[in-house]
Amino acid sequence: MKYALVDIGNTAIKAKIFKDDNELSVCTVGSDHESLDIFFNSLRIDIYIISSVVPRLNKVIESVSRSPLFFLTHDHFLDLKIAVNPRESVGIDRLVNAVAVQHIWNANALIIDVGTAVTFCRVKKNGHYLGGIIAPGVHMIRHALFEGAEQLPLVDFPWEEPSVIGQSTTEAMSSGLFYGAIEMINGIQEKIKKEDSKMATILTGGIPSILIPHLNHDVYHRDLQFEGVKIIAKKLKKID
């Protein structure tokens, strides 16, 4: 069986293609009509299992694809005790991560997912999702600085550790992005862990590699989202 696991986020569409249990390829898919048409119609995939937080793109994909699609919904997470009201307000991506942590570690944990937004999700053993925190991600912040302040340029996230005190506007902004991200993520984590210092911290998402050593965590699992999608797909017997 050839299938694709698809993670549709606000910044990118990422996918992994499998033949049975063997990973064949990893790719990023453009959100334009032509790219979606190629990906969802030209690869001879038996089924696409999709985790999405962008309803607009779901509709586009449904209109384009001639292949079998399976979108994860909140009805597929009934085994999770979701202490959020309404439960449908919790992003599918956050629930998928919770399922992955439950099945891989079954631990009291804090899941920190760094993407367009930075989400902090508190989970307990045996599938109890307690809720969390949503904060802006680094790319959102850099665009906000550029769009909100007339004299500030759009700067890239630094590829190496910057000096704390910048000697130019660009250097000062790079320092703010870098150390601001560290202090925000570690600071929020510290506050949450005051309730339970023994919970494990699972770090995931498309984190700049230069940032990872500075973030407090027990495990870094970049592909946690895909692990969760695969677990759910197998449980629902959508894949073998």
Protein backbone atom coordinates (compact mmCIF):
# COMPACT_ATOMS: atom_id res chain seq x y z
CA MET A 1 0.00 0.00 0.00
CA LYS A 2 1.33 3.43 -0.95
CA TYR A 3 0.08 6.29 1.18
CA ALA A 4 0.93 9.88 2.10
CA LEU A 5 0.80 11.54 5.51
CA VAL A 6 0.15 15.25 5.07
CA ASP A 7 0.60 18.03 7.63
CA ILE A 8 -1.05 21.29 6.54
CA GLY A 9 0.09 24.19 8.68
CA ASN A 10 -0.27 27.93 8.33
CA THR A 11 3.21 28.32 6.84
CA ALA A 12 3.80 25.11 4.89
CA ILE A 13 2.34 21.84 3.65
CA LYS A 14 4.65 18.97 4.54
CA ALA A 15 4.25 15.35 3.50
CA LYS A 16 5.80 11.93 3.91
CA ILE A 17 5.16 9.18 1.38
CA PHE A 18 5.25 5.52 2.46
CA LYS A 19 5.14 2.14 0.77
CA ASP A 20 3.73 -0.11 3.49
CA ASP A 21 5.91 0.85 6.49
CA ASN A 22 8.88 2.04 4.43
CA GLU A 23 9.36 5.78 4.10
CA LEU A 24 9.97 6.66 0.45
CA SER A 25 10.28 10.44 0.52
CA VAL A 26 9.69 13.67 2.39
CA CYS A 27 8.59 16.85 0.66
CA THR A 28 7.16 20.33 1.07
CA VAL A 29 4.20 21.09 -1.19
CA GLY A 30 3.30 24.50 -2.53
CA SER A 31 -0.19 25.81 -1.74
CA ASP A 32 -0.82 27.07 -5.28
CA HIS A 33 -3.35 25.27 -7.50
CA GLU A 34 -0.73 23.74 -9.83
CA SER A 35 1.42 22.30 -7.01
CA LEU A 36 -1.62 20.83 -5.25
CA ASP A 37 -2.86 19.30 -8.51
CA ILE A 38 0.50 17.60 -9.11
CA PHE A 39 0.90 16.32 -5.56
CA PHE A 40 -2.63 15.02 -5.11
CA ASN A 41 -3.08 13.52 -8.58
CA SER A 42 0.25 12.47 -10.11
CA LEU A 43 1.92 10.21 -7.54
CA ARG A 44 -0.33 7.11 -7.64
CA ILE A 45 -1.04 7.32 -3.92
CA ASP A 46 -3.70 4.95 -2.56
CA ILE A 47 -4.81 7.37 0.16
CA TYR A 48 -3.81 10.73 1.61
CA ILE A 49 -4.16 11.02 5.41
CA ILE A 50 -4.35 14.71 6.24
CA SER A 51 -3.91 16.72 9.43
CA SER A 52 -4.84 20.33 8.72
CA VAL A 53 -5.32 23.60 10.57
CA VAL A 54 -6.16 25.54 7.39
CA PRO A 55 -9.82 24.91 6.39
CA ARG A 56 -9.45 27.11 3.32
CA LEU A 57 -6.83 24.76 1.87
CA ASN A 58 -8.93 21.72 2.74
CA LYS A 59 -11.62 22.98 0.38
CA VAL A 60 -9.12 23.69 -2.37
CA ILE A 61 -7.61 20.21 -2.06
CA GLU A 62 -11.04 18.56 -2.13
CA SER A 63 -11.86 20.44 -5.32
CA VAL A 64 -8.55 19.55 -6.97
CA SER A 65 -7.89 15.97 -5.93
CA ARG A 66 -9.09 12.92 -7.81
CA SER A 67 -7.40 10.65 -5.25
CA PRO A 68 -8.85 9.29 -1.96
CA LEU A 69 -8.53 11.83 0.84
CA PHE A 70 -8.99 11.33 4.58
CA PHE A 71 -9.04 14.46 6.74
CA LEU A 72 -8.63 13.99 10.49
CA THR A 73 -11.44 15.61 12.50
CA HIS A 74 -12.17 15.97 16.20
CA ASP A 75 -14.34 12.84 15.99
CA HIS A 76 -11.16 10.80 15.50
CA PHE A 77 -9.83 11.76 18.96
CA LEU A 78 -12.55 10.36 21.17
CA ASP A 79 -9.96 8.40 23.18
CA LEU A 80 -8.47 11.68 24.36
CA LYS A 81 -10.06 13.32 27.39
CA ILE A 82 -9.98 16.92 26.21
CA ALA A 83 -10.38 19.41 29.06
CA VAL A 84 -11.09 22.33 26.70
CA ASN A 85 -14.47 23.86 25.94
CA PRO A 86 -15.45 23.56 23.20
CA ARG A 87 -13.22 20.62 22.32
CA GLU A 88 -13.54 21.52 18.62
CA SER A 89 -11.55 24.69 19.29
CA VAL A 90 -8.34 22.71 19.85
CA GLY A 91 -6.20 22.55 16.72
CA ILE A 92 -5.96 19.13 15.07
CA ASP A 93 -2.17 19.50 15.08
CA ARG A 94 -2.12 19.79 18.87
CA LEU A 95 -4.31 16.70 19.29
CA VAL A 96 -2.16 14.71 16.87
CA ASN A 97 0.92 15.58 18.94
CA ALA A 98 -0.89 14.50 22.10
CA VAL A 99 -1.75 11.12 20.56
CA ALA A 100 1.88 10.61 19.53
CA VAL A 101 3.18 11.38 23.03
CA GLN A 102 0.56 9.14 24.61
CA HIS A 103 1.49 6.17 22.41
CA ILE A 104 5.27 6.61 22.37
CA TRP A 105 5.88 7.60 26.01
CA ASN A 106 2.53 7.55 27.88
CA ALA A 107 3.95 10.21 30.18
CA ASN A 108 2.92 13.38 31.93
CA ALA A 109 4.38 15.84 29.47
CA LEU A 110 4.56 19.35 28.12
CA ILE A 111 4.60 19.42 24.31
CA ILE A 112 6.21 22.52 22.82
CA ASP A 113 5.58 22.81 19.08
CA VAL A 114 7.48 25.62 17.37
CA GLY A 115 5.94 26.73 14.09
CA THR A 116 3.94 29.71 12.81
CA ALA A 117 2.74 29.86 16.41
CA VAL A 118 4.46 28.32 19.43
CA THR A 119 2.06 26.02 21.27
CA PHE A 120 2.52 24.62 24.75
CA CYS A 121 0.25 21.64 25.44
CA ARG A 122 -0.07 19.88 28.77
CA VAL A 123 -0.90 16.17 28.58
CA LYS A 124 -1.16 13.50 31.25
CA LYS A 125 -0.80 9.74 31.08
CA ASN A 126 -3.54 7.70 29.43
CA GLY A 127 -4.68 10.39 27.03
CA HIS A 128 -5.75 13.36 29.14
CA TYR A 129 -5.30 16.66 27.27
CA LEU A 130 -5.37 19.52 29.79
CA GLY A 131 -5.04 22.50 27.44
CA GLY A 132 -2.18 24.90 26.90
CA ILE A 133 -0.80 28.20 25.69
CA ILE A 134 -0.52 29.72 22.21
CA ALA A 135 2.16 32.33 21.53
CA PRO A 136 3.46 33.93 18.32
CA GLY A 137 6.26 32.15 16.48
CA VAL A 138 9.52 33.75 15.41
CA HIS A 139 8.50 34.28 11.79
CA MET A 140 5.23 35.88 12.87
CA ILE A 141 7.15 38.23 15.15
CA ARG A 142 9.66 39.25 12.47
CA HIS A 143 6.84 40.12 10.08
CA ALA A 144 4.99 42.02 12.81
CA LEU A 145 8.08 44.15 13.48
CA PHE A 146 8.48 44.90 9.77
CA GLU A 147 4.81 45.69 9.16
CA GLY A 148 4.21 47.57 12.40
CA ALA A 149 7.23 49.87 12.48
CA GLU A 150 7.96 52.04 9.45
CA GLN A 151 11.75 52.16 9.88
CA LEU A 152 12.40 48.53 10.74
CA PRO A 153 13.51 46.17 7.96
CA LEU A 154 12.39 42.57 7.47
CA VAL A 155 15.24 40.48 8.90
CA ASP A 156 15.86 36.75 8.71
CA PHE A 157 16.15 34.64 11.83
CA PRO A 158 19.90 34.45 12.56
CA TRP A 159 21.81 31.34 11.45
CA GLU A 160 24.41 31.79 14.20
CA GLU A 161 24.22 33.06 17.76
CA PRO A 162 24.19 36.88 17.66
CA SER A 163 25.70 39.32 20.12
CA VAL A 164 23.21 40.31 22.79
CA ILE A 165 23.76 44.00 22.12
CA GLY A 166 23.45 44.76 18.42
CA GLN A 167 25.63 47.43 16.80
CA SER A 168 23.06 48.18 14.09
CA THR A 169 19.29 48.07 13.70
CA THR A 170 19.52 44.73 11.88
CA GLU A 171 21.81 43.25 14.54
CA ALA A 172 19.55 44.54 17.31
CA MET A 173 16.52 42.91 15.65
CA SER A 174 18.40 39.62 15.14
CA SER A 175 19.29 39.63 18.82
CA GLY A 176 15.69 40.36 19.76
CA LEU A 177 14.38 37.50 17.63
CA PHE A 178 16.96 35.01 18.88
CA TYR A 179 17.03 35.77 22.62
CA GLY A 180 13.37 36.73 22.67
CA ALA A 181 12.44 33.27 21.39
CA ILE A 182 14.66 31.57 23.97
CA GLU A 183 13.34 33.59 26.90
CA MET A 184 9.71 33.22 25.82
CA ILE A 185 9.88 29.44 25.35
CA ASN A 186 12.00 28.69 28.41
CA GLY A 187 10.14 31.23 30.55
CA ILE A 188 6.67 29.89 29.77
CA GLN A 189 7.92 26.34 30.23
CA GLU A 190 9.32 27.23 33.66
CA LYS A 191 6.01 28.76 34.71
CA ILE A 192 4.03 25.68 33.59
CA LYS A 193 6.45 23.32 35.32
CA LYS A 194 5.85 24.99 38.66
CA GLU A 195 2.66 22.90 38.74
CA ASP A 196 4.56 19.66 38.11
CA SER A 197 8.34 19.81 37.93
CA LYS A 198 8.58 16.13 36.95
CA MET A 199 6.69 16.37 33.67
CA ALA A 200 8.78 15.68 30.58
CA THR A 201 9.23 18.34 27.91
CA ILE A 202 8.82 17.13 24.33
CA LEU A 203 10.07 19.67 21.79
CA THR A 204 8.91 19.47 18.17
CA GLY A 205 8.35 21.51 15.03
CA GLY A 206 10.48 23.28 12.46
CA ILE A 207 12.87 24.87 14.93
CA PRO A 208 16.00 26.62 13.62
CA SER A 209 18.85 24.25 14.52
CA ILE A 210 20.86 27.05 16.14
CA LEU A 211 18.02 27.54 18.64
CA ILE A 212 17.58 23.96 19.87
CA PRO A 213 20.59 23.80 22.27
CA HIS A 214 19.28 26.90 24.04
CA LEU A 215 15.78 25.51 24.68
CA ASN A 216 15.14 23.43 27.79
CA HIS A 217 13.76 20.02 26.79
CA ASP A 218 14.04 16.30 27.48
CA VAL A 219 13.36 15.05 23.94
CA TYR A 220 13.44 16.71 20.54
CA HIS A 221 11.23 14.85 18.04
CA ARG A 222 10.99 16.84 14.82
CA ASP A 223 8.44 14.48 13.22
CA LEU A 224 6.08 14.09 16.15
CA GLN A 225 3.16 15.30 14.02
CA PHE A 226 3.72 12.59 11.40
CA GLU A 227 4.06 9.94 14.12
CA GLY A 228 0.67 10.94 15.50
CA VAL A 229 -1.03 10.96 12.09
CA LYS A 230 0.35 7.49 11.34
CA ILE A 231 -0.80 6.11 14.71
CA ILE A 232 -4.35 7.41 14.17
CA ALA A 233 -4.47 6.20 10.55
CA LYS A 234 -3.47 2.69 11.61
CA LYS A 235 -5.97 2.66 14.45
CA LEU A 236 -8.75 3.67 12.04
CA LYS A 237 -7.51 0.99 9.61
CA LYS A 238 -6.95 3.54 6.85
CA ILE A 239 -3.47 2.11 6.32
CA ASP A 240 -1.97 -1.31 7.03
